[in-house]
Amino acid sequence: MLRRPRGRHLFSFVERGGWYAADAFVTWLSERLDATAPDGTSRAYSGM
């Protein structure tokens, strides 16, 4: 079952409480919180 996308979704839904993973969101938000502001100010907030 876990070799098929639908099987992995079902396993995640039952065992992890959600149909989708959100790893990409964590990566995206971390990048945004570390992005330099338009005025050149360094943020570097992602690890805080």
ModelCIF file with pLDDT and N, C-alpha, C, O atoms, coordinates in Angstrom:
data_MODEL
#
_entry.id   MODEL 
#
_entity.id                         1 
_entity.type                       polymer 
_entity.pdbx_number_of_molecules   1 
#
_entity_poly.entity_id                      1 
_entity_poly.type                           'polypeptide(L)' 
_entity_poly.nstd_linkage                   no 
_entity_poly.nstd_monomer                   no 
_entity_poly.pdbx_seq_one_letter_code       MLRRPRGRHLFSFVERGGWYAADAFVTWLSERLDATAPDGTSRAYSGM 
_entity_poly.pdbx_seq_one_letter_code_can   MLRRPRGRHLFSFVERGGWYAADAFVTWLSERLDATAPDGTSRAYSGM 
_entity_poly.pdbx_strand_id                 A 
#
loop_
_entity_poly_seq.entity_id 
_entity_poly_seq.num 
_entity_poly_seq.mon_id 
_entity_poly_seq.hetero 
1 1  MET n 
1 2  LEU n 
1 3  ARG n 
1 4  ARG n 
1 5  PRO n 
1 6  ARG n 
1 7  GLY n 
1 8  ARG n 
1 9  HIS n 
1 10 LEU n 
1 11 PHE n 
1 12 SER n 
1 13 PHE n 
1 14 VAL n 
1 15 GLU n 
1 16 ARG n 
1 17 GLY n 
1 18 GLY n 
1 19 TRP n 
1 20 TYR n 
1 21 ALA n 
1 22 ALA n 
1 23 ASP n 
1 24 ALA n 
1 25 PHE n 
1 26 VAL n 
1 27 THR n 
1 28 TRP n 
1 29 LEU n 
1 30 SER n 
1 31 GLU n 
1 32 ARG n 
1 33 LEU n 
1 34 ASP n 
1 35 ALA n 
1 36 THR n 
1 37 ALA n 
1 38 PRO n 
1 39 ASP n 
1 40 GLY n 
1 41 THR n 
1 42 SER n 
1 43 ARG n 
1 44 ALA n 
1 45 TYR n 
1 46 SER n 
1 47 GLY n 
1 48 MET n 
#
_struct_asym.id          A 
_struct_asym.entity_id   1 
#
loop_
_ma_qa_metric.id 
_ma_qa_metric.mode 
_ma_qa_metric.name 
_ma_qa_metric.software_group_id 
_ma_qa_metric.type 
1 global pLDDT . pLDDT 
2 local  pLDDT . pLDDT 
#
_ma_qa_metric_global.metric_id      1 
_ma_qa_metric_global.metric_value   89.79 
_ma_qa_metric_global.model_id       1 
_ma_qa_metric_global.ordinal_id     1 
#
loop_
_ma_qa_metric_local.label_asym_id 
_ma_qa_metric_local.label_comp_id 
_ma_qa_metric_local.label_seq_id 
_ma_qa_metric_local.metric_id 
_ma_qa_metric_local.metric_value 
_ma_qa_metric_local.model_id 
_ma_qa_metric_local.ordinal_id 
A MET 1  2 86.00 1 1  
A LEU 2  2 86.00 1 2  
A ARG 3  2 87.00 1 3  
A ARG 4  2 88.00 1 4  
A PRO 5  2 87.00 1 5  
A ARG 6  2 87.00 1 6  
A GLY 7  2 88.00 1 7  
A ARG 8  2 89.00 1 8  
A HIS 9  2 87.00 1 9  
A LEU 10 2 88.00 1 10 
A PHE 11 2 88.00 1 11 
A SER 12 2 87.00 1 12 
A PHE 13 2 87.00 1 13 
A VAL 14 2 87.00 1 14 
A GLU 15 2 87.00 1 15 
A ARG 16 2 88.00 1 16 
A GLY 17 2 86.00 1 17 
A GLY 18 2 87.00 1 18 
A TRP 19 2 86.00 1 19 
A TYR 20 2 88.00 1 20 
A ALA 21 2 89.00 1 21 
A ALA 22 2 88.00 1 22 
A ASP 23 2 89.00 1 23 
A ALA 24 2 88.00 1 24 
A PHE 25 2 92.00 1 25 
A VAL 26 2 94.00 1 26 
A THR 27 2 93.00 1 27 
A TRP 28 2 93.00 1 28 
A LEU 29 2 95.00 1 29 
A SER 30 2 96.00 1 30 
A GLU 31 2 94.00 1 31 
A ARG 32 2 95.00 1 32 
A LEU 33 2 96.00 1 33 
A ASP 34 2 96.00 1 34 
A ALA 35 2 93.00 1 35 
A THR 36 2 91.00 1 36 
A ALA 37 2 87.00 1 37 
A PRO 38 2 86.00 1 38 
A ASP 39 2 85.00 1 39 
A GLY 40 2 86.00 1 40 
A THR 41 2 84.00 1 41 
A SER 42 2 84.00 1 42 
A ARG 43 2 91.00 1 43 
A ALA 44 2 94.00 1 44 
A TYR 45 2 97.00 1 45 
A SER 46 2 96.00 1 46 
A GLY 47 2 96.00 1 47 
A MET 48 2 98.00 1 48 
#
loop_
_atom_site.group_PDB 
_atom_site.id 
_atom_site.type_symbol 
_atom_site.label_atom_id 
_atom_site.label_alt_id 
_atom_site.label_comp_id 
_atom_site.label_asym_id 
_atom_site.label_entity_id 
_atom_site.label_seq_id 
_atom_site.pdbx_PDB_ins_code 
_atom_site.Cartn_x 
_atom_site.Cartn_y 
_atom_site.Cartn_z 
_atom_site.occupancy 
_atom_site.B_iso_or_equiv 
_atom_site.pdbx_formal_charge 
_atom_site.auth_seq_id 
_atom_site.auth_comp_id 
_atom_site.auth_asym_id 
_atom_site.auth_atom_id 
_atom_site.pdbx_PDB_model_num 
ATOM 1   N N  . MET A 1 1  ? 0.825  -1.202 0.000  1.00 86.00 ? 1  MET A N  1 
ATOM 2   C CA . MET A 1 1  ? 0.000  0.000  0.000  1.00 86.00 ? 1  MET A CA 1 
ATOM 3   C C  . MET A 1 1  ? 0.867  1.261  0.000  1.00 86.00 ? 1  MET A C  1 
ATOM 4   O O  . MET A 1 1  ? 0.548  2.236  -0.682 1.00 86.00 ? 1  MET A O  1 
ATOM 5   N N  . LEU A 1 2  ? 1.961  1.242  0.764  1.00 86.00 ? 2  LEU A N  1 
ATOM 6   C CA . LEU A 1 2  ? 2.816  2.415  0.889  1.00 86.00 ? 2  LEU A CA 1 
ATOM 7   C C  . LEU A 1 2  ? 3.683  2.659  -0.349 1.00 86.00 ? 2  LEU A C  1 
ATOM 8   O O  . LEU A 1 2  ? 4.367  3.678  -0.437 1.00 86.00 ? 2  LEU A O  1 
ATOM 9   N N  . ARG A 1 3  ? 3.655  1.745  -1.283 1.00 87.00 ? 3  ARG A N  1 
ATOM 10  C CA . ARG A 1 3  ? 4.371  1.975  -2.534 1.00 87.00 ? 3  ARG A CA 1 
ATOM 11  C C  . ARG A 1 3  ? 3.526  2.767  -3.534 1.00 87.00 ? 3  ARG A C  1 
ATOM 12  O O  . ARG A 1 3  ? 4.016  3.166  -4.590 1.00 87.00 ? 3  ARG A O  1 
ATOM 13  N N  . ARG A 1 4  ? 2.268  2.987  -3.198 1.00 88.00 ? 4  ARG A N  1 
ATOM 14  C CA . ARG A 1 4  ? 1.362  3.727  -4.070 1.00 88.00 ? 4  ARG A CA 1 
ATOM 15  C C  . ARG A 1 4  ? 1.022  5.076  -3.432 1.00 88.00 ? 4  ARG A C  1 
ATOM 16  O O  . ARG A 1 4  ? 0.836  5.140  -2.217 1.00 88.00 ? 4  ARG A O  1 
ATOM 17  N N  . PRO A 1 5  ? 0.935  6.161  -4.222 1.00 87.00 ? 5  PRO A N  1 
ATOM 18  C CA . PRO A 1 5  ? 0.601  7.469  -3.663 1.00 87.00 ? 5  PRO A CA 1 
ATOM 19  C C  . PRO A 1 5  ? -0.687 7.465  -2.842 1.00 87.00 ? 5  PRO A C  1 
ATOM 20  O O  . PRO A 1 5  ? -0.733 8.025  -1.747 1.00 87.00 ? 5  PRO A O  1 
ATOM 21  N N  . ARG A 1 6  ? -1.734 6.829  -3.375 1.00 87.00 ? 6  ARG A N  1 
ATOM 22  C CA . ARG A 1 6  ? -3.003 6.818  -2.636 1.00 87.00 ? 6  ARG A CA 1 
ATOM 23  C C  . ARG A 1 6  ? -2.855 6.061  -1.319 1.00 87.00 ? 6  ARG A C  1 
ATOM 24  O O  . ARG A 1 6  ? -3.470 6.423  -0.315 1.00 87.00 ? 6  ARG A O  1 
ATOM 25  N N  . GLY A 1 7  ? -2.043 5.017  -1.329 1.00 88.00 ? 7  GLY A N  1 
ATOM 26  C CA . GLY A 1 7  ? -1.819 4.268  -0.098 1.00 88.00 ? 7  GLY A CA 1 
ATOM 27  C C  . GLY A 1 7  ? -1.094 5.100  0.936  1.00 88.00 ? 7  GLY A C  1 
ATOM 28  O O  . GLY A 1 7  ? -1.415 5.029  2.122  1.00 88.00 ? 7  GLY A O  1 
ATOM 29  N N  . ARG A 1 8  ? -0.113 5.896  0.503  1.00 89.00 ? 8  ARG A N  1 
ATOM 30  C CA . ARG A 1 8  ? 0.610  6.758  1.443  1.00 89.00 ? 8  ARG A CA 1 
ATOM 31  C C  . ARG A 1 8  ? -0.302 7.838  2.003  1.00 89.00 ? 8  ARG A C  1 
ATOM 32  O O  . ARG A 1 8  ? -0.219 8.179  3.183  1.00 89.00 ? 8  ARG A O  1 
ATOM 33  N N  . HIS A 1 9  ? -1.178 8.378  1.150  1.00 87.00 ? 9  HIS A N  1 
ATOM 34  C CA . HIS A 1 9  ? -2.138 9.370  1.638  1.00 87.00 ? 9  HIS A CA 1 
ATOM 35  C C  . HIS A 1 9  ? -3.055 8.746  2.697  1.00 87.00 ? 9  HIS A C  1 
ATOM 36  O O  . HIS A 1 9  ? -3.309 9.351  3.738  1.00 87.00 ? 9  HIS A O  1 
ATOM 37  N N  . LEU A 1 10 ? -3.541 7.549  2.425  1.00 88.00 ? 10 LEU A N  1 
ATOM 38  C CA . LEU A 1 10 ? -4.436 6.887  3.369  1.00 88.00 ? 10 LEU A CA 1 
ATOM 39  C C  . LEU A 1 10 ? -3.719 6.583  4.683  1.00 88.00 ? 10 LEU A C  1 
ATOM 40  O O  . LEU A 1 10 ? -4.282 6.783  5.760  1.00 88.00 ? 10 LEU A O  1 
ATOM 41  N N  . PHE A 1 11 ? -2.485 6.101  4.598  1.00 88.00 ? 11 PHE A N  1 
ATOM 42  C CA . PHE A 1 11 ? -1.711 5.799  5.803  1.00 88.00 ? 11 PHE A CA 1 
ATOM 43  C C  . PHE A 1 11 ? -1.483 7.076  6.616  1.00 88.00 ? 11 PHE A C  1 
ATOM 44  O O  . PHE A 1 11 ? -1.614 7.069  7.840  1.00 88.00 ? 11 PHE A O  1 
ATOM 45  N N  . SER A 1 12 ? -1.144 8.158  5.936  1.00 87.00 ? 12 SER A N  1 
ATOM 46  C CA . SER A 1 12 ? -0.940 9.445  6.610  1.00 87.00 ? 12 SER A CA 1 
ATOM 47  C C  . SER A 1 12 ? -2.224 9.931  7.265  1.00 87.00 ? 12 SER A C  1 
ATOM 48  O O  . SER A 1 12 ? -2.206 10.442 8.385  1.00 87.00 ? 12 SER A O  1 
ATOM 49  N N  . PHE A 1 13 ? -3.325 9.768  6.566  1.00 87.00 ? 13 PHE A N  1 
ATOM 50  C CA . PHE A 1 13 ? -4.615 10.211 7.086  1.00 87.00 ? 13 PHE A CA 1 
ATOM 51  C C  . PHE A 1 13 ? -4.973 9.482  8.381  1.00 87.00 ? 13 PHE A C  1 
ATOM 52  O O  . PHE A 1 13 ? -5.426 10.096 9.348  1.00 87.00 ? 13 PHE A O  1 
ATOM 53  N N  . VAL A 1 14 ? -4.764 8.168  8.386  1.00 87.00 ? 14 VAL A N  1 
ATOM 54  C CA . VAL A 1 14 ? -5.122 7.367  9.558  1.00 87.00 ? 14 VAL A CA 1 
ATOM 55  C C  . VAL A 1 14 ? -4.112 7.529  10.690 1.00 87.00 ? 14 VAL A C  1 
ATOM 56  O O  . VAL A 1 14 ? -4.495 7.649  11.854 1.00 87.00 ? 14 VAL A O  1 
ATOM 57  N N  . GLU A 1 15 ? -2.823 7.532  10.350 1.00 87.00 ? 15 GLU A N  1 
ATOM 58  C CA . GLU A 1 15 ? -1.783 7.499  11.378 1.00 87.00 ? 15 GLU A CA 1 
ATOM 59  C C  . GLU A 1 15 ? -1.272 8.875  11.791 1.00 87.00 ? 15 GLU A C  1 
ATOM 60  O O  . GLU A 1 15 ? -0.835 9.055  12.927 1.00 87.00 ? 15 GLU A O  1 
ATOM 61  N N  . ARG A 1 16 ? -1.320 9.849  10.877 1.00 88.00 ? 16 ARG A N  1 
ATOM 62  C CA . ARG A 1 16 ? -0.771 11.175 11.164 1.00 88.00 ? 16 ARG A CA 1 
ATOM 63  C C  . ARG A 1 16 ? -1.830 12.267 11.194 1.00 88.00 ? 16 ARG A C  1 
ATOM 64  O O  . ARG A 1 16 ? -1.513 13.438 11.406 1.00 88.00 ? 16 ARG A O  1 
ATOM 65  N N  . GLY A 1 17 ? -3.084 11.889 10.981 1.00 86.00 ? 17 GLY A N  1 
ATOM 66  C CA . GLY A 1 17 ? -4.172 12.847 11.120 1.00 86.00 ? 17 GLY A CA 1 
ATOM 67  C C  . GLY A 1 17 ? -4.376 13.795 9.968  1.00 86.00 ? 17 GLY A C  1 
ATOM 68  O O  . GLY A 1 17 ? -5.133 14.757 10.094 1.00 86.00 ? 17 GLY A O  1 
ATOM 69  N N  . GLY A 1 18 ? -3.712 13.550 8.822  1.00 87.00 ? 18 GLY A N  1 
ATOM 70  C CA . GLY A 1 18 ? -3.879 14.450 7.689  1.00 87.00 ? 18 GLY A CA 1 
ATOM 71  C C  . GLY A 1 18 ? -3.581 13.776 6.373  1.00 87.00 ? 18 GLY A C  1 
ATOM 72  O O  . GLY A 1 18 ? -2.706 12.914 6.290  1.00 87.00 ? 18 GLY A O  1 
ATOM 73  N N  . TRP A 1 19 ? -4.319 14.173 5.325  1.00 86.00 ? 19 TRP A N  1 
ATOM 74  C CA . TRP A 1 19 ? -4.150 13.585 4.005  1.00 86.00 ? 19 TRP A CA 1 
ATOM 75  C C  . TRP A 1 19 ? -2.841 14.003 3.352  1.00 86.00 ? 19 TRP A C  1 
ATOM 76  O O  . TRP A 1 19 ? -2.245 13.239 2.593  1.00 86.00 ? 19 TRP A O  1 
ATOM 77  N N  . TYR A 1 20 ? -2.391 15.234 3.656  1.00 88.00 ? 20 TYR A N  1 
ATOM 78  C CA . TYR A 1 20 ? -1.190 15.770 3.034  1.00 88.00 ? 20 TYR A CA 1 
ATOM 79  C C  . TYR A 1 20 ? -0.096 16.036 4.070  1.00 88.00 ? 20 TYR A C  1 
ATOM 80  O O  . TYR A 1 20 ? -0.369 16.265 5.249  1.00 88.00 ? 20 TYR A O  1 
ATOM 81  N N  . ALA A 1 21 ? 1.150  15.998 3.590  1.00 89.00 ? 21 ALA A N  1 
ATOM 82  C CA . ALA A 1 21 ? 2.278  16.461 4.385  1.00 89.00 ? 21 ALA A CA 1 
ATOM 83  C C  . ALA A 1 21 ? 2.429  17.966 4.153  1.00 89.00 ? 21 ALA A C  1 
ATOM 84  O O  . ALA A 1 21 ? 1.980  18.483 3.130  1.00 89.00 ? 21 ALA A O  1 
ATOM 85  N N  . ALA A 1 22 ? 3.058  18.667 5.094  1.00 88.00 ? 22 ALA A N  1 
ATOM 86  C CA . ALA A 1 22 ? 3.253  20.107 4.936  1.00 88.00 ? 22 ALA A CA 1 
ATOM 87  C C  . ALA A 1 22 ? 4.723  20.474 5.122  1.00 88.00 ? 22 ALA A C  1 
ATOM 88  O O  . ALA A 1 22 ? 5.045  21.574 5.573  1.00 88.00 ? 22 ALA A O  1 
ATOM 89  N N  . ASP A 1 23 ? 5.609  19.546 4.773  1.00 89.00 ? 23 ASP A N  1 
ATOM 90  C CA . ASP A 1 23 ? 7.042  19.817 4.905  1.00 89.00 ? 23 ASP A CA 1 
ATOM 91  C C  . ASP A 1 23 ? 7.451  21.018 4.056  1.00 89.00 ? 23 ASP A C  1 
ATOM 92  O O  . ASP A 1 23 ? 8.293  21.817 4.464  1.00 89.00 ? 23 ASP A O  1 
ATOM 93  N N  . ALA A 1 24 ? 6.847  21.138 2.872  1.00 88.00 ? 24 ALA A N  1 
ATOM 94  C CA . ALA A 1 24 ? 7.181  22.249 1.982  1.00 88.00 ? 24 ALA A CA 1 
ATOM 95  C C  . ALA A 1 24 ? 6.787  23.591 2.598  1.00 88.00 ? 24 ALA A C  1 
ATOM 96  O O  . ALA A 1 24 ? 7.438  24.605 2.350  1.00 88.00 ? 24 ALA A O  1 
ATOM 97  N N  . PHE A 1 25 ? 5.724  23.595 3.398  1.00 92.00 ? 25 PHE A N  1 
ATOM 98  C CA . PHE A 1 25 ? 5.326  24.839 4.057  1.00 92.00 ? 25 PHE A CA 1 
ATOM 99  C C  . PHE A 1 25 ? 6.376  25.274 5.071  1.00 92.00 ? 25 PHE A C  1 
ATOM 100 O O  . PHE A 1 25 ? 6.729  26.452 5.132  1.00 92.00 ? 25 PHE A O  1 
ATOM 101 N N  . VAL A 1 26 ? 6.875  24.335 5.866  1.00 94.00 ? 26 VAL A N  1 
ATOM 102 C CA . VAL A 1 26 ? 7.893  24.658 6.866  1.00 94.00 ? 26 VAL A CA 1 
ATOM 103 C C  . VAL A 1 26 ? 9.130  25.233 6.183  1.00 94.00 ? 26 VAL A C  1 
ATOM 104 O O  . VAL A 1 26 ? 9.714  26.206 6.661  1.00 94.00 ? 26 VAL A O  1 
ATOM 105 N N  . THR A 1 27 ? 9.526  24.627 5.063  1.00 93.00 ? 27 THR A N  1 
ATOM 106 C CA . THR A 1 27 ? 10.681 25.127 4.310  1.00 93.00 ? 27 THR A CA 1 
ATOM 107 C C  . THR A 1 27 ? 10.421 26.527 3.769  1.00 93.00 ? 27 THR A C  1 
ATOM 108 O O  . THR A 1 27 ? 11.265 27.416 3.886  1.00 93.00 ? 27 THR A O  1 
ATOM 109 N N  . TRP A 1 28 ? 9.240  26.715 3.174  1.00 93.00 ? 28 TRP A N  1 
ATOM 110 C CA . TRP A 1 28 ? 8.883  28.027 2.602  1.00 93.00 ? 28 TRP A CA 1 
ATOM 111 C C  . TRP A 1 28 ? 8.856  29.110 3.669  1.00 93.00 ? 28 TRP A C  1 
ATOM 112 O O  . TRP A 1 28 ? 9.423  30.184 3.471  1.00 93.00 ? 28 TRP A O  1 
ATOM 113 N N  . LEU A 1 29 ? 8.205  28.845 4.801  1.00 95.00 ? 29 LEU A N  1 
ATOM 114 C CA . LEU A 1 29 ? 8.099  29.855 5.853  1.00 95.00 ? 29 LEU A CA 1 
ATOM 115 C C  . LEU A 1 29 ? 9.480  30.175 6.426  1.00 95.00 ? 29 LEU A C  1 
ATOM 116 O O  . LEU A 1 29 ? 9.781  31.335 6.707  1.00 95.00 ? 29 LEU A O  1 
ATOM 117 N N  . SER A 1 30 ? 10.310 29.163 6.599  1.00 96.00 ? 30 SER A N  1 
ATOM 118 C CA . SER A 1 30 ? 11.664 29.399 7.104  1.00 96.00 ? 30 SER A CA 1 
ATOM 119 C C  . SER A 1 30 ? 12.428 30.324 6.159  1.00 96.00 ? 30 SER A C  1 
ATOM 120 O O  . SER A 1 30 ? 13.124 31.238 6.603  1.00 96.00 ? 30 SER A O  1 
ATOM 121 N N  . GLU A 1 31 ? 12.296 30.085 4.863  1.00 94.00 ? 31 GLU A N  1 
ATOM 122 C CA . GLU A 1 31 ? 12.959 30.944 3.878  1.00 94.00 ? 31 GLU A CA 1 
ATOM 123 C C  . GLU A 1 31 ? 12.431 32.367 3.933  1.00 94.00 ? 31 GLU A C  1 
ATOM 124 O O  . GLU A 1 31 ? 13.194 33.326 3.819  1.00 94.00 ? 31 GLU A O  1 
ATOM 125 N N  . ARG A 1 32 ? 11.125 32.501 4.107  1.00 95.00 ? 32 ARG A N  1 
ATOM 126 C CA . ARG A 1 32 ? 10.535 33.841 4.156  1.00 95.00 ? 32 ARG A CA 1 
ATOM 127 C C  . ARG A 1 32 ? 10.982 34.591 5.420  1.00 95.00 ? 32 ARG A C  1 
ATOM 128 O O  . ARG A 1 32 ? 11.212 35.800 5.372  1.00 95.00 ? 32 ARG A O  1 
ATOM 129 N N  . LEU A 1 33 ? 11.103 33.898 6.518  1.00 96.00 ? 33 LEU A N  1 
ATOM 130 C CA . LEU A 1 33 ? 11.508 34.544 7.768  1.00 96.00 ? 33 LEU A CA 1 
ATOM 131 C C  . LEU A 1 33 ? 12.994 34.887 7.787  1.00 96.00 ? 33 LEU A C  1 
ATOM 132 O O  . LEU A 1 33 ? 13.451 35.655 8.633  1.00 96.00 ? 33 LEU A O  1 
ATOM 133 N N  . ASP A 1 34 ? 13.737 34.318 6.855  1.00 96.00 ? 34 ASP A N  1 
ATOM 134 C CA . ASP A 1 34 ? 15.165 34.636 6.740  1.00 96.00 ? 34 ASP A CA 1 
ATOM 135 C C  . ASP A 1 34 ? 15.460 35.567 5.570  1.00 96.00 ? 34 ASP A C  1 
ATOM 136 O O  . ASP A 1 34 ? 16.606 35.971 5.373  1.00 96.00 ? 34 ASP A O  1 
ATOM 137 N N  . ALA A 1 35 ? 14.443 35.907 4.797  1.00 93.00 ? 35 ALA A N  1 
ATOM 138 C CA . ALA A 1 35 ? 14.647 36.745 3.611  1.00 93.00 ? 35 ALA A CA 1 
ATOM 139 C C  . ALA A 1 35 ? 15.035 38.161 4.014  1.00 93.00 ? 35 ALA A C  1 
ATOM 140 O O  . ALA A 1 35 ? 14.505 38.709 4.980  1.00 93.00 ? 35 ALA A O  1 
ATOM 141 N N  . THR A 1 36 ? 15.952 38.740 3.276  1.00 91.00 ? 36 THR A N  1 
ATOM 142 C CA . THR A 1 36 ? 16.376 40.111 3.527  1.00 91.00 ? 36 THR A CA 1 
ATOM 143 C C  . THR A 1 36 ? 15.253 41.079 3.149  1.00 91.00 ? 36 THR A C  1 
ATOM 144 O O  . THR A 1 36 ? 14.627 40.932 2.100  1.00 91.00 ? 36 THR A O  1 
ATOM 145 N N  . ALA A 1 37 ? 15.007 42.055 4.002  1.00 87.00 ? 37 ALA A N  1 
ATOM 146 C CA . ALA A 1 37 ? 13.957 43.034 3.747  1.00 87.00 ? 37 ALA A CA 1 
ATOM 147 C C  . ALA A 1 37 ? 14.365 43.938 2.586  1.00 87.00 ? 37 ALA A C  1 
ATOM 148 O O  . ALA A 1 37 ? 15.552 44.055 2.283  1.00 87.00 ? 37 ALA A O  1 
ATOM 149 N N  . PRO A 1 38 ? 13.382 44.587 1.926  1.00 86.00 ? 38 PRO A N  1 
ATOM 150 C CA . PRO A 1 38 ? 13.692 45.472 0.792  1.00 86.00 ? 38 PRO A CA 1 
ATOM 151 C C  . PRO A 1 38 ? 14.708 46.569 1.126  1.00 86.00 ? 38 PRO A C  1 
ATOM 152 O O  . PRO A 1 38 ? 15.446 47.018 0.248  1.00 86.00 ? 38 PRO A O  1 
ATOM 153 N N  . ASP A 1 39 ? 14.749 47.003 2.394  1.00 85.00 ? 39 ASP A N  1 
ATOM 154 C CA . ASP A 1 39 ? 15.697 48.051 2.779  1.00 85.00 ? 39 ASP A CA 1 
ATOM 155 C C  . ASP A 1 39 ? 17.072 47.496 3.145  1.00 85.00 ? 39 ASP A C  1 
ATOM 156 O O  . ASP A 1 39 ? 17.946 48.238 3.593  1.00 85.00 ? 39 ASP A O  1 
ATOM 157 N N  . GLY A 1 40 ? 17.262 46.171 2.951  1.00 86.00 ? 40 GLY A N  1 
ATOM 158 C CA . GLY A 1 40 ? 18.549 45.556 3.240  1.00 86.00 ? 40 GLY A CA 1 
ATOM 159 C C  . GLY A 1 40 ? 18.677 44.997 4.638  1.00 86.00 ? 40 GLY A C  1 
ATOM 160 O O  . GLY A 1 40 ? 19.710 44.425 4.988  1.00 86.00 ? 40 GLY A O  1 
ATOM 161 N N  . THR A 1 41 ? 17.636 45.155 5.445  1.00 84.00 ? 41 THR A N  1 
ATOM 162 C CA . THR A 1 41 ? 17.673 44.647 6.811  1.00 84.00 ? 41 THR A CA 1 
ATOM 163 C C  . THR A 1 41 ? 17.669 43.120 6.825  1.00 84.00 ? 41 THR A C  1 
ATOM 164 O O  . THR A 1 41 ? 16.876 42.485 6.130  1.00 84.00 ? 41 THR A O  1 
ATOM 165 N N  . SER A 1 42 ? 18.557 42.542 7.620  1.00 84.00 ? 42 SER A N  1 
ATOM 166 C CA . SER A 1 42 ? 18.619 41.083 7.731  1.00 84.00 ? 42 SER A CA 1 
ATOM 167 C C  . SER A 1 42 ? 17.591 40.610 8.742  1.00 84.00 ? 42 SER A C  1 
ATOM 168 O O  . SER A 1 42 ? 17.481 41.167 9.834  1.00 84.00 ? 42 SER A O  1 
ATOM 169 N N  . ARG A 1 43 ? 16.834 39.573 8.375  1.00 91.00 ? 43 ARG A N  1 
ATOM 170 C CA . ARG A 1 43 ? 15.817 39.061 9.288  1.00 91.00 ? 43 ARG A CA 1 
ATOM 171 C C  . ARG A 1 43 ? 16.361 37.906 10.126 1.00 91.00 ? 43 ARG A C  1 
ATOM 172 O O  . ARG A 1 43 ? 16.518 38.048 11.338 1.00 91.00 ? 43 ARG A O  1 
ATOM 173 N N  . ALA A 1 44 ? 16.646 36.787 9.509  1.00 94.00 ? 44 ALA A N  1 
ATOM 174 C CA . ALA A 1 44 ? 17.198 35.620 10.212 1.00 94.00 ? 44 ALA A CA 1 
ATOM 175 C C  . ALA A 1 44 ? 16.353 35.230 11.426 1.00 94.00 ? 44 ALA A C  1 
ATOM 176 O O  . ALA A 1 44 ? 16.872 35.067 12.530 1.00 94.00 ? 44 ALA A O  1 
ATOM 177 N N  . TYR A 1 45 ? 15.035 35.082 11.205 1.00 97.00 ? 45 TYR A N  1 
ATOM 178 C CA . TYR A 1 45 ? 14.111 34.769 12.291 1.00 97.00 ? 45 TYR A CA 1 
ATOM 179 C C  . TYR A 1 45 ? 13.737 33.287 12.364 1.00 97.00 ? 45 TYR A C  1 
ATOM 180 O O  . TYR A 1 45 ? 13.166 32.857 13.366 1.00 97.00 ? 45 TYR A O  1 
ATOM 181 N N  . SER A 1 46 ? 14.039 32.505 11.346 1.00 96.00 ? 46 SER A N  1 
ATOM 182 C CA . SER A 1 46 ? 13.461 31.163 11.242 1.00 96.00 ? 46 SER A CA 1 
ATOM 183 C C  . SER A 1 46 ? 13.845 30.239 12.393 1.00 96.00 ? 46 SER A C  1 
ATOM 184 O O  . SER A 1 46 ? 13.069 29.356 12.760 1.00 96.00 ? 46 SER A O  1 
ATOM 185 N N  . GLY A 1 47 ? 15.029 30.429 12.964 1.00 96.00 ? 47 GLY A N  1 
ATOM 186 C CA . GLY A 1 47 ? 15.455 29.550 14.042 1.00 96.00 ? 47 GLY A CA 1 
ATOM 187 C C  . GLY A 1 47 ? 15.079 30.035 15.424 1.00 96.00 ? 47 GLY A C  1 
ATOM 188 O O  . GLY A 1 47 ? 15.514 29.465 16.424 1.00 96.00 ? 47 GLY A O  1 
ATOM 189 N N  . MET A 1 48 ? 14.272 31.088 15.490 1.00 98.00 ? 48 MET A N  1 
ATOM 190 C CA . MET A 1 48 ? 13.963 31.702 16.777 1.00 98.00 ? 48 MET A CA 1 
ATOM 191 C C  . MET A 1 48 ? 12.753 31.079 17.452 1.00 98.00 ? 48 MET A C  1 
ATOM 192 O O  . MET A 1 48 ? 12.373 31.496 18.546 1.00 98.00 ? 48 MET A O  1 
#
